[in-house]
């Protein structure tokens, strides 16, 4: 095969599976984003959508990242924001397990568990007098009886 013909064939062929993001996939994605509970999920998840569609999560994330469809991207944003909201609300009221909630928020939504050791703090010691330490400066207050 000549070099010129080989380059044209290579340029025309795109690696991977063909795009399977059709109107039916879009319709199910939009419906799932709004009505995930009817699909048996307690909160919206990309895994739940992938299961319903019979696709793998990587395909969904690739379609989202490549912005193949505005409607699909909007539905995926709604799924991810809905999941974050459910985690926060149900984590705060104790409905969801705190450890699982924290794991999901840290791994899927950019939350972090920061080390507070580098932060300035206030220490209060109370005996007959009070000592307040802040930024290595101590204020002592005598307590009267």
N, C-alpha and C. Protein backbone atom coordinates (compact mmCIF):
# COMPACT_ATOMS: atom_id res chain seq x y z
N UNK A 1 0.85 -1.16 0.00
CA UNK A 1 0.00 0.00 0.00
C UNK A 1 0.90 1.23 0.00
N UNK A 2 0.56 2.20 -0.82
CA UNK A 2 1.39 3.40 -0.88
C UNK A 2 1.22 4.20 0.40
N UNK A 3 2.22 5.01 0.70
CA UNK A 3 2.22 5.81 1.93
C UNK A 3 1.03 6.78 1.94
N UNK A 4 0.72 7.41 0.81
CA UNK A 4 -0.38 8.36 0.73
C UNK A 4 -1.72 7.67 0.98
N UNK A 5 -1.95 6.52 0.39
CA UNK A 5 -3.18 5.77 0.58
C UNK A 5 -3.29 5.29 2.02
N UNK A 6 -2.20 4.81 2.60
CA UNK A 6 -2.18 4.35 3.98
C UNK A 6 -2.58 5.47 4.94
N UNK A 7 -2.07 6.68 4.72
CA UNK A 7 -2.41 7.82 5.58
C UNK A 7 -3.89 8.16 5.48
N UNK A 8 -4.48 8.09 4.28
CA UNK A 8 -5.91 8.38 4.13
C UNK A 8 -6.76 7.34 4.84
N UNK A 9 -6.39 6.08 4.75
CA UNK A 9 -7.13 5.01 5.43
C UNK A 9 -7.02 5.20 6.93
N UNK A 10 -5.85 5.52 7.44
CA UNK A 10 -5.64 5.71 8.87
C UNK A 10 -6.44 6.91 9.38
N UNK A 11 -6.46 8.00 8.61
CA UNK A 11 -7.20 9.19 9.03
C UNK A 11 -8.70 8.94 9.06
N UNK A 12 -9.21 8.16 8.14
CA UNK A 12 -10.65 7.91 8.05
C UNK A 12 -11.14 6.97 9.15
N UNK A 13 -10.32 6.07 9.61
CA UNK A 13 -10.73 5.07 10.60
C UNK A 13 -10.43 5.59 12.00
N UNK A 14 -11.44 5.61 12.84
CA UNK A 14 -11.23 6.02 14.22
C UNK A 14 -11.22 4.77 15.09
N UNK A 15 -10.27 4.71 16.02
CA UNK A 15 -10.18 3.52 16.86
C UNK A 15 -11.37 3.41 17.81
N UNK A 16 -11.60 2.22 18.29
CA UNK A 16 -12.65 1.99 19.27
C UNK A 16 -13.99 1.67 18.62
N UNK A 17 -14.97 1.47 19.47
CA UNK A 17 -16.31 1.15 18.98
C UNK A 17 -16.98 2.39 18.41
N UNK A 18 -17.91 2.20 17.51
CA UNK A 18 -18.64 3.35 16.99
C UNK A 18 -19.51 3.98 18.08
N UNK A 19 -19.87 5.20 17.88
CA UNK A 19 -20.71 5.93 18.82
C UNK A 19 -22.06 5.24 18.94
N UNK A 20 -22.45 4.92 20.18
CA UNK A 20 -23.74 4.28 20.42
C UNK A 20 -24.68 5.21 21.17
N UNK A 21 -24.37 6.48 21.17
CA UNK A 21 -25.17 7.47 21.87
C UNK A 21 -26.30 7.92 20.95
N UNK A 22 -27.42 7.20 21.03
CA UNK A 22 -28.54 7.51 20.15
C UNK A 22 -29.69 8.11 20.97
N UNK A 23 -30.81 8.35 20.32
CA UNK A 23 -31.96 8.99 20.98
C UNK A 23 -32.53 8.15 22.12
N UNK A 24 -32.49 6.83 21.98
CA UNK A 24 -33.00 5.96 23.05
C UNK A 24 -32.12 6.08 24.29
N UNK A 25 -30.80 6.08 24.10
CA UNK A 25 -29.88 6.25 25.23
C UNK A 25 -30.09 7.60 25.89
N UNK A 26 -30.26 8.64 25.08
CA UNK A 26 -30.51 9.98 25.62
C UNK A 26 -31.81 10.01 26.43
N UNK A 27 -32.86 9.39 25.90
CA UNK A 27 -34.16 9.39 26.60
C UNK A 27 -34.06 8.68 27.94
N UNK A 28 -33.40 7.52 27.98
CA UNK A 28 -33.25 6.78 29.24
C UNK A 28 -32.37 7.57 30.21
N UNK A 29 -31.31 8.20 29.72
CA UNK A 29 -30.42 8.98 30.57
C UNK A 29 -31.15 10.14 31.22
N UNK A 30 -31.92 10.87 30.44
CA UNK A 30 -32.68 12.00 30.97
C UNK A 30 -33.72 11.51 31.97
N UNK A 31 -34.41 10.42 31.65
CA UNK A 31 -35.40 9.87 32.57
C UNK A 31 -34.76 9.38 33.87
N UNK A 32 -33.62 8.71 33.75
CA UNK A 32 -32.93 8.22 34.95
C UNK A 32 -32.50 9.39 35.84
N UNK A 33 -31.99 10.45 35.25
CA UNK A 33 -31.56 11.61 36.03
C UNK A 33 -32.71 12.20 36.85
N UNK A 34 -33.92 12.16 36.30
CA UNK A 34 -35.10 12.71 36.98
C UNK A 34 -35.76 11.71 37.91
N UNK A 35 -35.76 10.43 37.52
CA UNK A 35 -36.56 9.42 38.21
C UNK A 35 -35.75 8.19 38.62
N UNK A 36 -34.56 8.39 39.14
CA UNK A 36 -33.68 7.26 39.47
C UNK A 36 -34.32 6.28 40.44
N UNK A 37 -35.20 6.74 41.31
CA UNK A 37 -35.83 5.86 42.30
C UNK A 37 -36.69 4.78 41.64
N UNK A 38 -37.31 5.11 40.51
CA UNK A 38 -38.14 4.11 39.85
C UNK A 38 -37.29 2.99 39.24
N UNK A 39 -35.99 3.22 39.11
CA UNK A 39 -35.07 2.19 38.63
C UNK A 39 -34.45 1.40 39.78
N UNK A 40 -34.91 1.69 41.02
CA UNK A 40 -34.46 0.94 42.19
C UNK A 40 -33.23 1.50 42.88
N UNK A 41 -32.86 2.74 42.56
CA UNK A 41 -31.67 3.34 43.18
C UNK A 41 -32.07 4.33 44.26
N UNK A 42 -31.32 4.35 45.37
CA UNK A 42 -31.58 5.28 46.46
C UNK A 42 -31.02 6.67 46.17
N UNK A 43 -30.08 6.73 45.25
CA UNK A 43 -29.54 8.00 44.78
C UNK A 43 -29.07 7.79 43.36
N UNK A 44 -29.00 8.85 42.58
CA UNK A 44 -28.57 8.69 41.19
C UNK A 44 -27.08 8.35 41.12
N UNK A 45 -26.73 7.39 40.28
CA UNK A 45 -25.33 7.00 40.11
C UNK A 45 -25.06 6.70 38.64
N UNK A 46 -23.82 6.90 38.24
CA UNK A 46 -23.43 6.55 36.89
C UNK A 46 -23.50 5.03 36.74
N UNK A 47 -23.17 4.31 37.80
CA UNK A 47 -23.26 2.84 37.76
C UNK A 47 -24.69 2.39 37.53
N UNK A 48 -25.66 3.05 38.19
CA UNK A 48 -27.06 2.70 38.00
C UNK A 48 -27.51 2.96 36.57
N UNK A 49 -27.08 4.09 36.01
CA UNK A 49 -27.42 4.39 34.62
C UNK A 49 -26.77 3.39 33.67
N UNK A 50 -25.50 3.07 33.90
CA UNK A 50 -24.79 2.11 33.04
C UNK A 50 -25.49 0.76 33.07
N UNK A 51 -25.91 0.32 34.25
CA UNK A 51 -26.62 -0.96 34.39
C UNK A 51 -27.92 -0.93 33.58
N UNK A 52 -28.68 0.15 33.73
CA UNK A 52 -29.96 0.26 33.02
C UNK A 52 -29.76 0.26 31.51
N UNK A 53 -28.70 0.94 31.04
CA UNK A 53 -28.45 1.03 29.61
C UNK A 53 -27.76 -0.21 29.04
N UNK A 54 -27.16 -1.03 29.91
CA UNK A 54 -26.39 -2.17 29.44
C UNK A 54 -25.06 -1.75 28.84
N UNK A 55 -24.54 -0.63 29.31
CA UNK A 55 -23.25 -0.10 28.84
C UNK A 55 -22.27 -0.13 30.00
N UNK A 56 -20.99 0.08 29.71
CA UNK A 56 -20.04 0.18 30.83
C UNK A 56 -19.86 1.65 31.21
N UNK A 57 -19.46 1.87 32.45
CA UNK A 57 -19.32 3.23 32.96
C UNK A 57 -18.30 4.03 32.15
N UNK A 58 -17.24 3.38 31.69
CA UNK A 58 -16.21 4.08 30.94
C UNK A 58 -16.78 4.71 29.67
N UNK A 59 -17.70 4.02 29.02
CA UNK A 59 -18.33 4.59 27.82
C UNK A 59 -19.11 5.85 28.17
N UNK A 60 -19.86 5.79 29.26
CA UNK A 60 -20.65 6.95 29.67
C UNK A 60 -19.75 8.13 30.01
N UNK A 61 -18.69 7.86 30.77
CA UNK A 61 -17.76 8.93 31.11
C UNK A 61 -17.06 9.48 29.86
N UNK A 62 -16.75 8.63 28.90
CA UNK A 62 -16.10 9.08 27.66
C UNK A 62 -17.05 9.98 26.87
N UNK A 63 -18.31 9.57 26.75
CA UNK A 63 -19.29 10.39 26.05
C UNK A 63 -19.44 11.74 26.74
N UNK A 64 -19.45 11.71 28.08
CA UNK A 64 -19.59 12.95 28.86
C UNK A 64 -18.36 13.84 28.65
N UNK A 65 -17.18 13.25 28.75
CA UNK A 65 -15.94 14.01 28.61
C UNK A 65 -15.79 14.58 27.21
N UNK A 66 -16.16 13.81 26.20
CA UNK A 66 -16.04 14.25 24.81
C UNK A 66 -17.16 15.23 24.42
N UNK A 67 -18.12 15.42 25.34
CA UNK A 67 -19.23 16.33 25.10
C UNK A 67 -19.94 16.00 23.78
N UNK A 68 -20.25 14.72 23.62
CA UNK A 68 -20.86 14.25 22.37
C UNK A 68 -22.28 14.78 22.17
N UNK A 69 -22.95 15.07 23.27
CA UNK A 69 -24.31 15.57 23.19
C UNK A 69 -24.56 16.50 24.38
N UNK A 70 -25.05 17.68 24.11
CA UNK A 70 -25.35 18.65 25.17
C UNK A 70 -26.37 18.07 26.14
N UNK A 71 -27.41 17.45 25.60
CA UNK A 71 -28.48 16.86 26.43
C UNK A 71 -27.92 15.75 27.33
N UNK A 72 -27.05 14.92 26.79
CA UNK A 72 -26.44 13.84 27.58
C UNK A 72 -25.56 14.44 28.68
N UNK A 73 -24.75 15.44 28.34
CA UNK A 73 -23.87 16.08 29.33
C UNK A 73 -24.68 16.71 30.45
N UNK A 74 -25.80 17.36 30.10
CA UNK A 74 -26.65 17.97 31.11
C UNK A 74 -27.25 16.92 32.04
N UNK A 75 -27.69 15.80 31.48
CA UNK A 75 -28.26 14.72 32.29
C UNK A 75 -27.19 14.11 33.21
N UNK A 76 -25.97 13.93 32.69
CA UNK A 76 -24.88 13.40 33.53
C UNK A 76 -24.54 14.38 34.66
N UNK A 77 -24.53 15.67 34.37
CA UNK A 77 -24.30 16.68 35.42
C UNK A 77 -25.39 16.57 36.48
N UNK A 78 -26.63 16.40 36.05
CA UNK A 78 -27.74 16.29 37.00
C UNK A 78 -27.59 15.03 37.86
N UNK A 79 -27.13 13.94 37.27
CA UNK A 79 -26.91 12.70 38.03
C UNK A 79 -25.82 12.92 39.09
N UNK A 80 -24.72 13.54 38.69
CA UNK A 80 -23.61 13.74 39.63
C UNK A 80 -23.97 14.74 40.72
N UNK A 81 -24.65 15.83 40.35
CA UNK A 81 -25.08 16.80 41.37
C UNK A 81 -26.14 16.21 42.28
N UNK A 82 -27.04 15.44 41.72
CA UNK A 82 -28.06 14.78 42.52
C UNK A 82 -27.46 13.80 43.52
N UNK A 83 -26.43 13.08 43.07
CA UNK A 83 -25.75 12.16 43.98
C UNK A 83 -25.09 12.93 45.12
N UNK A 84 -24.39 14.00 44.79
CA UNK A 84 -23.73 14.81 45.82
C UNK A 84 -24.75 15.34 46.83
N UNK A 85 -25.86 15.82 46.33
CA UNK A 85 -26.92 16.35 47.19
C UNK A 85 -27.50 15.27 48.11
N UNK A 86 -27.78 14.11 47.55
CA UNK A 86 -28.31 13.00 48.36
C UNK A 86 -27.30 12.59 49.43
N UNK A 87 -26.03 12.53 49.06
CA UNK A 87 -25.00 12.16 50.04
C UNK A 87 -24.94 13.18 51.18
N UNK A 88 -24.93 14.45 50.84
CA UNK A 88 -24.87 15.48 51.87
C UNK A 88 -26.09 15.45 52.77
N UNK A 89 -27.28 15.46 52.19
CA UNK A 89 -28.51 15.49 52.99
C UNK A 89 -28.68 14.25 53.84
N UNK A 90 -28.50 13.08 53.25
CA UNK A 90 -28.69 11.84 53.99
C UNK A 90 -27.53 11.53 54.93
N UNK A 91 -26.36 12.05 54.62
CA UNK A 91 -25.23 11.91 55.53
C UNK A 91 -25.40 12.78 56.76
N UNK A 92 -25.92 13.98 56.56
CA UNK A 92 -26.12 14.89 57.69
C UNK A 92 -27.21 14.44 58.64
N UNK A 93 -28.27 13.83 58.11
CA UNK A 93 -29.35 13.41 59.01
C UNK A 93 -29.19 11.98 59.50
N UNK A 94 -28.09 11.31 59.09
CA UNK A 94 -27.80 9.97 59.60
C UNK A 94 -28.47 8.84 58.84
N UNK A 95 -29.16 9.15 57.75
CA UNK A 95 -29.81 8.10 56.96
C UNK A 95 -28.78 7.20 56.30
N UNK A 96 -27.71 7.81 55.78
CA UNK A 96 -26.63 7.06 55.14
C UNK A 96 -25.50 6.83 56.13
N UNK A 97 -24.80 5.74 55.96
CA UNK A 97 -23.64 5.42 56.77
C UNK A 97 -22.59 6.52 56.59
N UNK A 98 -22.11 7.11 57.69
CA UNK A 98 -21.15 8.22 57.57
C UNK A 98 -19.86 7.85 56.84
N UNK A 99 -19.35 6.65 57.07
CA UNK A 99 -18.09 6.25 56.43
C UNK A 99 -18.27 6.13 54.91
N UNK A 100 -19.38 5.55 54.49
CA UNK A 100 -19.65 5.41 53.05
C UNK A 100 -19.91 6.78 52.43
N UNK A 101 -20.65 7.62 53.15
CA UNK A 101 -20.92 8.98 52.66
C UNK A 101 -19.62 9.74 52.44
N UNK A 102 -18.74 9.68 53.43
CA UNK A 102 -17.45 10.37 53.32
C UNK A 102 -16.63 9.81 52.16
N UNK A 103 -16.60 8.51 52.03
CA UNK A 103 -15.85 7.86 50.95
C UNK A 103 -16.35 8.34 49.58
N UNK A 104 -17.65 8.38 49.40
CA UNK A 104 -18.22 8.82 48.12
C UNK A 104 -17.94 10.29 47.86
N UNK A 105 -18.08 11.14 48.86
CA UNK A 105 -17.83 12.56 48.67
C UNK A 105 -16.37 12.85 48.36
N UNK A 106 -15.46 12.15 49.03
CA UNK A 106 -14.03 12.36 48.79
C UNK A 106 -13.63 11.84 47.41
N UNK A 107 -14.08 10.64 47.06
CA UNK A 107 -13.64 10.01 45.81
C UNK A 107 -14.38 10.50 44.57
N UNK A 108 -15.62 10.92 44.72
CA UNK A 108 -16.42 11.25 43.54
C UNK A 108 -16.74 12.74 43.36
N UNK A 109 -16.56 13.52 44.42
CA UNK A 109 -17.03 14.91 44.35
C UNK A 109 -16.01 15.94 44.80
N UNK A 110 -14.76 15.55 44.95
CA UNK A 110 -13.71 16.52 45.21
C UNK A 110 -13.60 17.01 46.65
N UNK A 111 -14.32 16.39 47.56
CA UNK A 111 -14.18 16.78 48.96
C UNK A 111 -12.87 16.20 49.49
N UNK A 112 -12.35 16.79 50.57
CA UNK A 112 -11.12 16.25 51.13
C UNK A 112 -11.19 16.29 52.65
N UNK A 113 -10.41 15.42 53.23
CA UNK A 113 -10.29 15.34 54.68
C UNK A 113 -8.94 15.96 55.02
N UNK A 114 -8.94 17.24 55.31
CA UNK A 114 -7.69 17.97 55.49
C UNK A 114 -7.13 17.79 56.90
N UNK A 115 -5.84 17.76 56.97
CA UNK A 115 -5.12 17.71 58.24
C UNK A 115 -5.14 19.11 58.85
N UNK A 116 -5.64 19.23 60.03
CA UNK A 116 -5.77 20.53 60.67
C UNK A 116 -4.54 20.93 61.49
N UNK A 117 -3.49 20.10 61.50
CA UNK A 117 -2.33 20.38 62.35
C UNK A 117 -1.60 21.66 61.98
N UNK A 118 -1.68 22.10 60.74
CA UNK A 118 -1.01 23.32 60.32
C UNK A 118 -1.84 24.57 60.56
N UNK A 119 -3.07 24.40 61.02
CA UNK A 119 -3.96 25.52 61.25
C UNK A 119 -3.71 26.15 62.61
N UNK A 120 -3.91 27.46 62.71
CA UNK A 120 -3.81 28.14 64.00
C UNK A 120 -5.01 27.72 64.85
N UNK A 121 -4.78 27.46 66.11
CA UNK A 121 -5.86 27.05 66.99
C UNK A 121 -5.83 27.82 68.28
N UNK A 122 -6.86 27.64 69.06
CA UNK A 122 -6.95 28.29 70.35
C UNK A 122 -7.05 27.21 71.40
N UNK A 123 -6.23 27.32 72.43
CA UNK A 123 -6.25 26.38 73.54
C UNK A 123 -6.66 27.15 74.79
N UNK A 124 -7.61 26.63 75.53
CA UNK A 124 -8.05 27.26 76.76
C UNK A 124 -7.81 26.30 77.91
N UNK A 125 -7.06 26.75 78.92
CA UNK A 125 -6.83 25.98 80.14
C UNK A 125 -7.46 26.76 81.28
N UNK A 126 -8.34 26.12 82.04
CA UNK A 126 -9.02 26.82 83.13
C UNK A 126 -8.70 26.13 84.44
N UNK A 127 -8.12 26.87 85.35
CA UNK A 127 -7.92 26.47 86.74
C UNK A 127 -8.50 27.62 87.55
N UNK A 128 -7.66 28.21 88.36
CA UNK A 128 -8.08 29.43 89.05
C UNK A 128 -7.85 30.63 88.15
N UNK A 129 -7.11 30.41 87.14
CA UNK A 129 -6.95 31.47 86.13
C UNK A 129 -7.14 30.81 84.76
N UNK A 130 -7.39 31.62 83.78
CA UNK A 130 -7.57 31.09 82.42
C UNK A 130 -6.41 31.54 81.56
N UNK A 131 -5.90 30.61 80.77
CA UNK A 131 -4.83 30.96 79.83
C UNK A 131 -5.33 30.65 78.43
N UNK A 132 -5.27 31.63 77.60
CA UNK A 132 -5.69 31.46 76.21
C UNK A 132 -4.47 31.62 75.33
N UNK A 133 -4.20 30.60 74.51
CA UNK A 133 -3.05 30.65 73.63
C UNK A 133 -3.52 30.68 72.19
N UNK A 134 -3.00 31.64 71.44
CA UNK A 134 -3.33 31.75 70.02
C UNK A 134 -2.09 32.24 69.29
N UNK A 135 -1.68 31.51 68.27
CA UNK A 135 -0.48 31.85 67.50
C UNK A 135 0.74 32.06 68.40
N UNK A 136 0.91 31.16 69.36
CA UNK A 136 2.04 31.17 70.30
C UNK A 136 2.07 32.41 71.19
N UNK A 137 0.97 33.11 71.33
CA UNK A 137 0.87 34.23 72.27
C UNK A 137 -0.13 33.82 73.33
N UNK A 138 0.21 34.04 74.58
CA UNK A 138 -0.64 33.61 75.68
C UNK A 138 -1.22 34.81 76.39
N UNK A 139 -2.52 34.76 76.65
CA UNK A 139 -3.22 35.77 77.41
C UNK A 139 -3.72 35.05 78.66
N UNK A 140 -3.33 35.56 79.83
CA UNK A 140 -3.74 34.94 81.09
C UNK A 140 -4.81 35.84 81.74
N UNK A 141 -5.89 35.20 82.14
CA UNK A 141 -6.99 35.92 82.80
C UNK A 141 -7.17 35.31 84.17
N UNK A 142 -7.07 36.15 85.21
CA UNK A 142 -7.29 35.67 86.58
C UNK A 142 -8.78 35.63 86.83
N UNK A 143 -9.23 34.50 87.39
CA UNK A 143 -10.63 34.34 87.69
C UNK A 143 -10.84 34.65 89.14
N UNK A 144 -11.77 35.58 89.45
CA UNK A 144 -12.05 35.95 90.83
C UNK A 144 -13.12 35.02 91.40
N UNK A 145 -13.00 34.79 92.69
CA UNK A 145 -14.01 33.94 93.37
C UNK A 145 -15.29 34.66 93.60
